[in-house]
Protein backbone atom coordinates (compact mmCIF):
# COMPACT_ATOMS: atom_id res chain seq x y z
CA MET A 1 4.25 -23.94 4.49
CA ASN A 2 3.47 -24.77 1.08
CA LYS A 3 6.38 -26.00 -0.73
CA ILE A 4 6.91 -24.44 -4.23
CA THR A 5 7.45 -26.21 -6.93
CA ARG A 6 8.98 -25.42 -10.60
CA ARG A 7 6.15 -26.22 -11.88
CA ARG A 8 3.59 -24.20 -9.26
CA PHE A 9 5.58 -21.17 -9.94
CA ILE A 10 5.48 -20.82 -13.30
CA LYS A 11 1.46 -21.64 -13.21
CA THR A 12 1.23 -19.16 -10.54
CA GLY A 13 2.96 -16.57 -12.92
CA ALA A 14 2.56 -17.71 -16.06
CA ALA A 15 2.39 -14.45 -17.69
CA GLY A 16 6.25 -14.59 -17.37
CA MET A 17 9.16 -13.98 -15.29
CA ALA A 18 11.46 -11.33 -16.20
CA GLY A 19 8.94 -7.84 -15.43
CA LEU A 20 7.76 -6.76 -19.38
CA THR A 21 6.28 -9.81 -20.15
CA VAL A 22 4.18 -9.43 -23.64
CA ILE A 23 3.66 -11.58 -26.63
CA GLY A 24 4.16 -9.58 -29.63
CA SER A 25 0.67 -8.00 -31.03
CA GLY A 26 -0.58 -7.05 -27.54
CA PHE A 27 2.13 -4.04 -27.03
CA ALA A 28 0.50 -1.48 -28.81
CA ASN A 29 2.10 2.25 -29.54
CA ILE A 30 5.77 1.45 -29.46
CA SER A 31 8.08 4.22 -30.09
CA CYS A 32 11.61 4.23 -30.95
CA ALA A 33 14.65 6.07 -29.11
CA PRO A 34 17.33 7.62 -31.53
CA ALA A 35 20.41 6.16 -32.30
CA ASN A 36 22.19 8.45 -29.97
CA VAL A 37 19.47 7.29 -26.80
CA THR A 38 21.40 5.04 -24.74
CA VAL A 39 20.95 3.45 -21.42
CA ASP A 40 22.92 4.89 -18.28
CA LYS A 41 24.54 3.15 -15.76
CA VAL A 42 24.12 3.59 -12.24
CA LYS A 43 25.33 2.05 -8.42
CA LEU A 44 23.82 -1.13 -7.83
CA GLY A 45 23.50 -0.40 -3.58
CA LYS A 46 27.00 -0.97 -1.89
CA THR A 47 28.10 -3.41 -4.24
CA GLY A 48 30.01 -1.45 -6.13
CA LEU A 49 28.87 -2.53 -9.28
CA LEU A 50 28.17 0.53 -11.65
CA VAL A 51 25.53 -1.44 -13.79
CA SER A 52 22.41 -0.93 -16.90
CA ARG A 53 19.78 1.14 -15.77
CA ILE A 54 17.77 -1.53 -17.54
CA ALA A 55 18.51 -5.24 -17.14
CA MET A 56 17.69 -7.39 -20.60
CA GLY A 57 15.08 -10.09 -18.47
CA THR A 58 15.81 -13.50 -20.60
CA GLY A 59 12.89 -15.74 -18.31
CA THR A 60 9.18 -14.61 -19.97
CA VAL A 61 7.10 -17.58 -19.23
CA GLY A 62 10.30 -19.36 -18.60
CA TYR A 63 9.57 -23.11 -18.13
CA ASN A 64 11.70 -26.26 -18.63
CA ARG A 65 14.75 -24.15 -18.86
CA GLY A 66 13.19 -21.98 -21.91
CA SER A 67 12.00 -19.38 -22.30
CA ASN A 68 10.13 -16.68 -24.96
CA GLN A 69 13.88 -15.43 -25.87
CA THR A 70 15.72 -18.49 -26.03
CA ARG A 71 12.18 -20.68 -27.96
CA LYS A 72 13.04 -17.08 -31.02
CA GLY A 73 16.54 -19.68 -31.06
CA MET A 74 20.28 -18.87 -30.84
CA ASP A 75 20.51 -16.65 -33.37
CA ALA A 76 17.80 -14.41 -33.22
CA PHE A 77 18.55 -14.19 -29.39
CA VAL A 78 22.07 -12.97 -29.97
CA LYS A 79 21.15 -10.28 -32.66
CA MET A 80 18.52 -9.13 -29.87
CA ALA A 81 21.10 -9.26 -27.01
CA HIS A 82 23.66 -7.72 -29.71
CA HIS A 83 20.93 -4.91 -30.55
CA ALA A 84 19.90 -4.31 -26.44
CA TYR A 85 24.08 -3.93 -25.54
CA GLU A 86 24.06 -1.13 -28.40
CA ARG A 87 21.54 0.73 -26.78
CA GLY A 88 23.88 0.67 -23.79
CA ILE A 89 21.73 -2.63 -21.91
CA HIS A 90 24.74 -4.47 -21.22
CA PHE A 91 23.24 -5.96 -18.32
CA PHE A 92 21.89 -9.70 -18.78
CA ASP A 93 18.99 -11.07 -15.81
CA MET A 94 19.11 -15.06 -16.45
CA ALA A 95 17.97 -18.01 -14.32
CA ASP A 96 19.41 -21.66 -14.56
CA GLY A 97 15.33 -22.27 -15.20
CA TYR A 98 15.89 -20.13 -18.03
CA GLY A 99 17.52 -22.22 -18.96
CA SER A 100 19.19 -18.83 -20.47
CA HIS A 101 22.83 -19.09 -19.64
CA PRO A 102 24.14 -20.76 -22.94
CA PHE A 103 22.31 -17.97 -25.03
CA VAL A 104 24.08 -15.55 -23.22
CA GLY A 105 27.21 -16.96 -23.34
CA GLU A 106 27.51 -17.67 -27.38
CA ALA A 107 25.59 -13.33 -27.42
CA ILE A 108 28.58 -11.95 -24.78
CA LYS A 109 31.42 -14.27 -26.94
CA THR A 110 32.56 -11.07 -29.19
CA LEU A 111 31.64 -8.42 -26.48
CA PRO A 112 33.95 -7.06 -23.45
CA ARG A 113 33.23 -9.31 -20.87
CA GLU A 114 34.86 -6.00 -18.26
CA LYS A 115 31.57 -3.70 -20.04
CA LEU A 116 29.06 -6.41 -18.51
CA THR A 117 27.08 -7.72 -15.90
CA LEU A 118 26.12 -10.71 -15.43
CA LEU A 119 22.94 -11.52 -13.18
CA SER A 120 21.67 -15.53 -12.63
CA LYS A 121 19.45 -17.06 -10.19
CA VAL A 122 19.37 -20.91 -8.88
CA TRP A 123 16.46 -22.51 -7.60
CA THR A 124 16.99 -23.84 -4.29
CA HIS A 125 13.51 -25.45 -3.04
CA GLU A 126 13.39 -28.79 -1.98
CA ASP A 127 12.01 -30.18 -5.91
CA GLY A 128 15.03 -28.90 -7.22
CA SER A 129 17.49 -31.39 -8.65
CA GLU A 130 20.41 -28.85 -7.49
CA ASN A 131 19.08 -29.25 -4.03
CA ASN A 132 21.78 -29.52 -1.87
CA GLN A 133 24.30 -30.93 -4.39
CA PRO A 134 27.41 -28.45 -3.76
CA VAL A 135 27.39 -24.86 -4.51
CA ASP A 136 30.88 -24.55 -6.05
CA LYS A 137 29.86 -27.33 -8.57
CA ILE A 138 26.33 -25.51 -10.00
CA LEU A 139 28.49 -22.44 -10.03
CA ASP A 140 30.78 -24.52 -12.09
CA ARG A 141 27.94 -25.33 -14.48
CA PHE A 142 26.96 -22.04 -14.59
CA ARG A 143 30.12 -20.30 -15.59
CA GLN A 144 30.59 -23.19 -18.00
CA GLU A 145 27.76 -22.71 -19.65
CA THR A 146 27.98 -18.88 -20.14
CA GLY A 147 31.49 -19.01 -20.73
CA THR A 148 33.10 -16.88 -18.20
CA ASP A 149 35.05 -17.28 -15.26
CA TYR A 150 32.64 -15.08 -12.85
CA ILE A 151 29.57 -14.22 -12.44
CA ASP A 152 28.85 -10.56 -10.85
CA ILE A 153 25.25 -11.12 -8.92
CA LEU A 154 24.33 -14.61 -7.88
CA LEU A 155 20.56 -14.97 -6.46
CA MET A 156 18.05 -17.47 -4.83
CA HIS A 157 15.40 -17.77 -6.91
CA CYS A 158 11.91 -16.95 -5.15
CA MET A 159 12.09 -16.33 -1.50
CA MET A 160 8.52 -17.21 -0.57
CA GLU A 161 9.29 -17.90 3.44
CA GLY A 162 9.77 -15.20 6.05
CA ASN A 163 12.76 -17.48 7.63
CA TRP A 164 14.35 -18.82 4.13
CA ASP A 165 17.77 -17.47 5.88
CA LYS A 166 17.26 -20.96 7.80
CA THR A 167 16.04 -23.12 5.63
CA ARG A 168 19.01 -22.16 3.11
CA THR A 169 22.40 -22.22 5.15
CA HIS A 170 23.62 -24.66 2.18
CA TYR A 171 23.23 -22.00 -0.50
CA ILE A 172 23.77 -18.87 1.73
CA ASP A 173 27.32 -20.55 3.48
CA GLY A 174 28.32 -21.79 -0.42
CA LEU A 175 27.79 -18.58 -1.97
CA ALA A 176 29.22 -16.29 0.45
CA LYS A 177 32.50 -18.94 0.26
CA ALA A 178 31.82 -18.28 -3.96
CA LYS A 179 32.00 -14.33 -3.27
CA GLN A 180 34.92 -14.79 -0.96
CA ASP A 181 37.14 -16.37 -3.87
CA GLY A 182 35.75 -13.83 -6.40
CA VAL A 183 33.98 -16.50 -8.19
CA ILE A 184 30.72 -14.33 -7.91
CA ARG A 185 30.61 -10.27 -6.76
CA ALA A 186 27.50 -10.37 -5.04
CA THR A 187 24.55 -12.43 -3.24
CA GLY A 188 20.88 -11.97 -2.94
CA VAL A 189 17.52 -12.74 -3.67
CA SER A 190 14.38 -12.74 -5.54
CA CYS A 191 11.03 -12.10 -3.67
CA HIS A 192 7.82 -13.30 -4.11
CA ASN A 193 6.29 -12.83 -0.77
CA ILE A 194 6.28 -9.88 1.66
CA ASP A 195 7.87 -11.71 4.94
CA ALA A 196 10.42 -12.32 2.92
CA LEU A 197 11.31 -9.17 1.17
CA ARG A 198 11.16 -7.34 4.35
CA LEU A 199 13.99 -10.24 5.80
CA ALA A 200 15.80 -9.57 3.01
CA SER A 201 15.87 -5.75 3.11
CA GLN A 202 18.10 -6.05 6.61
CA HIS A 203 19.59 -9.70 6.09
CA PRO A 204 23.33 -8.25 6.08
CA TRP A 205 23.89 -11.67 3.47
CA VAL A 206 22.03 -9.61 0.95
CA ASP A 207 23.76 -7.64 -1.39
CA VAL A 208 20.83 -7.75 -4.27
CA ILE A 209 16.85 -7.78 -3.71
CA MET A 210 15.53 -8.58 -6.78
CA ALA A 211 11.35 -7.09 -6.00
CA ARG A 212 7.92 -6.67 -7.73
CA ILE A 213 6.95 -3.64 -7.81
CA ASN A 214 4.28 -1.58 -10.37
CA PRO A 215 1.71 1.19 -9.72
CA PHE A 216 -1.00 -1.56 -9.66
CA GLY A 217 -0.30 -3.70 -7.49
CA ALA A 218 -0.26 -6.01 -10.62
CA LYS A 219 0.94 -9.43 -9.31
CA MET A 220 2.88 -7.50 -5.96
CA ASP A 221 3.60 -9.26 -2.78
CA GLY A 222 1.94 -6.06 -1.18
CA THR A 223 0.76 -2.47 -2.11
CA PRO A 224 2.63 -0.60 -4.00
CA ASP A 225 2.96 2.02 -1.11
CA GLU A 226 4.00 -1.12 1.05
CA ILE A 227 6.51 -2.66 -0.82
CA SER A 228 8.36 1.09 -1.48
CA GLU A 229 8.64 1.41 2.13
CA ILE A 230 10.34 -1.68 2.44
CA LEU A 231 12.61 -0.89 -0.26
CA ALA A 232 13.64 2.59 0.83
CA GLN A 233 14.58 0.99 3.94
CA ALA A 234 16.42 -2.30 1.51
CA GLN A 235 18.37 1.29 -0.14
CA ALA A 236 19.12 2.48 3.60
CA ASN A 237 20.55 -0.40 3.99
CA GLY A 238 22.92 -0.13 1.37
CA LYS A 239 21.29 -3.23 -0.67
CA GLY A 240 20.92 -2.51 -4.61
CA VAL A 241 17.54 -3.24 -5.81
CA ILE A 242 16.17 -4.39 -8.86
CA ALA A 243 12.71 -4.01 -10.10
CA MET A 244 10.49 -6.91 -11.78
CA LYS A 245 7.15 -7.10 -12.63
CA VAL A 246 6.79 -3.55 -13.73
CA PHE A 247 3.97 -4.00 -15.92
CA GLY A 248 2.46 -6.05 -13.77
CA GLU A 249 3.27 -9.69 -15.59
CA GLY A 250 2.01 -8.46 -18.86
CA GLU A 251 -1.64 -7.05 -17.38
CA ARG A 252 -0.74 -3.81 -17.75
CA ILE A 253 1.07 -2.79 -21.13
CA LYS A 254 -1.12 -0.23 -22.61
CA ASP A 255 0.85 2.85 -23.66
CA ASP A 256 -0.49 4.93 -21.09
CA GLU A 257 0.24 2.03 -18.56
CA ARG A 258 3.37 1.45 -19.30
CA GLU A 259 4.66 5.35 -18.88
CA GLN A 260 2.92 4.83 -15.50
CA SER A 261 4.46 2.39 -14.56
CA ILE A 262 7.99 3.66 -15.55
CA LYS A 263 7.22 6.74 -14.28
CA PHE A 264 6.53 4.76 -10.65
CA ALA A 265 9.20 3.12 -10.25
CA LEU A 266 11.89 5.87 -11.17
CA ALA A 267 10.10 8.33 -8.68
CA ARG A 268 8.34 5.92 -5.92
CA GLY A 269 9.75 2.64 -6.72
CA ASN A 270 12.87 2.69 -4.25
CA ILE A 271 14.83 0.75 -6.88
CA SER A 272 18.81 0.62 -8.20
CA CYS A 273 17.62 -0.54 -11.77
CA MET A 274 14.91 -2.33 -13.17
CA THR A 275 14.75 -6.11 -15.41
CA LEU A 276 12.77 -5.93 -18.48
CA GLY A 277 11.95 -9.59 -20.67
CA MET A 278 11.81 -7.46 -23.75
CA GLU A 279 11.19 -10.04 -26.99
CA SER A 280 11.94 -7.76 -30.36
CA GLU A 281 14.46 -4.96 -31.38
CA LEU A 282 11.44 -2.34 -31.32
CA GLN A 283 10.20 -2.92 -28.05
CA ILE A 284 14.04 -2.93 -26.92
CA ASP A 285 13.95 0.38 -28.19
CA ASP A 286 10.94 1.38 -26.76
CA ALA A 287 12.09 0.77 -23.44
CA VAL A 288 15.12 2.52 -23.40
CA GLU A 289 13.45 5.84 -25.17
CA ARG A 290 10.76 5.81 -21.88
CA VAL A 291 12.98 4.82 -19.64
CA MET A 292 15.65 7.40 -20.15
CA ARG A 293 13.46 10.41 -21.26
CA LEU A 294 11.14 9.46 -17.66
CA ALA A 295 14.99 9.19 -16.24
CA LYS A 296 15.98 12.53 -17.40
CA ALA A 297 12.62 14.43 -16.38
């Protein structure tokens, strides 16, 4: 089995990390949601968490602990995050590799913590500088960077093998203890391999799965039907399912493709919610309008 490094992970998915990976001019026919349209809340499997149907992704073209979102600068990021919050997006999708913890931490200083859902991811591959560090120390740093006492969801980032439960017992045990101690509320994985996804769909340690899903099979781990079937089984097992790569890492961003992708995710994806790597207030408004219109159809 080839080892994956952060550099290789970014290279193979360089268009972005969070699902909606589009750079300004490529995102045409943007519509604005009326001010009274806000994102609703949904149950995330059997985690007990009620989350926004859309999460604000913070890792588009993420590398060297930076991303398109954070490279906008702190003031612009905070302004965008507050706009997302006003539209009902109270769910922030972060990762250590994105460098987005301090940015989200600054953005939520003036927001009520009890209304937020914070998700982060830890890199567990052997090249990671945090590899085999005490998990409690890693989480202490995450909490310090975000300025919060707890993180709602903590995922192991980018699982690409069907035996990740055997190779990452250090993290699995550490995160289980952190959940028991109330430092995190739910554990799980983000998957970039169909065997890893199959394991996650049935593994008792997994509360939450982040999976690549779109109707075109773009940047996915199997066909749309194959992935939908696995996610249906995951939901039957009580897992909360978060869709990512909804627009195929920016490969499917025409207006009709965005429409088709959101419709598929909501109707056939067997998901709880989705993470979208929005990079402007206009993209946020478009996502809110589109997702809520199709969710109510």
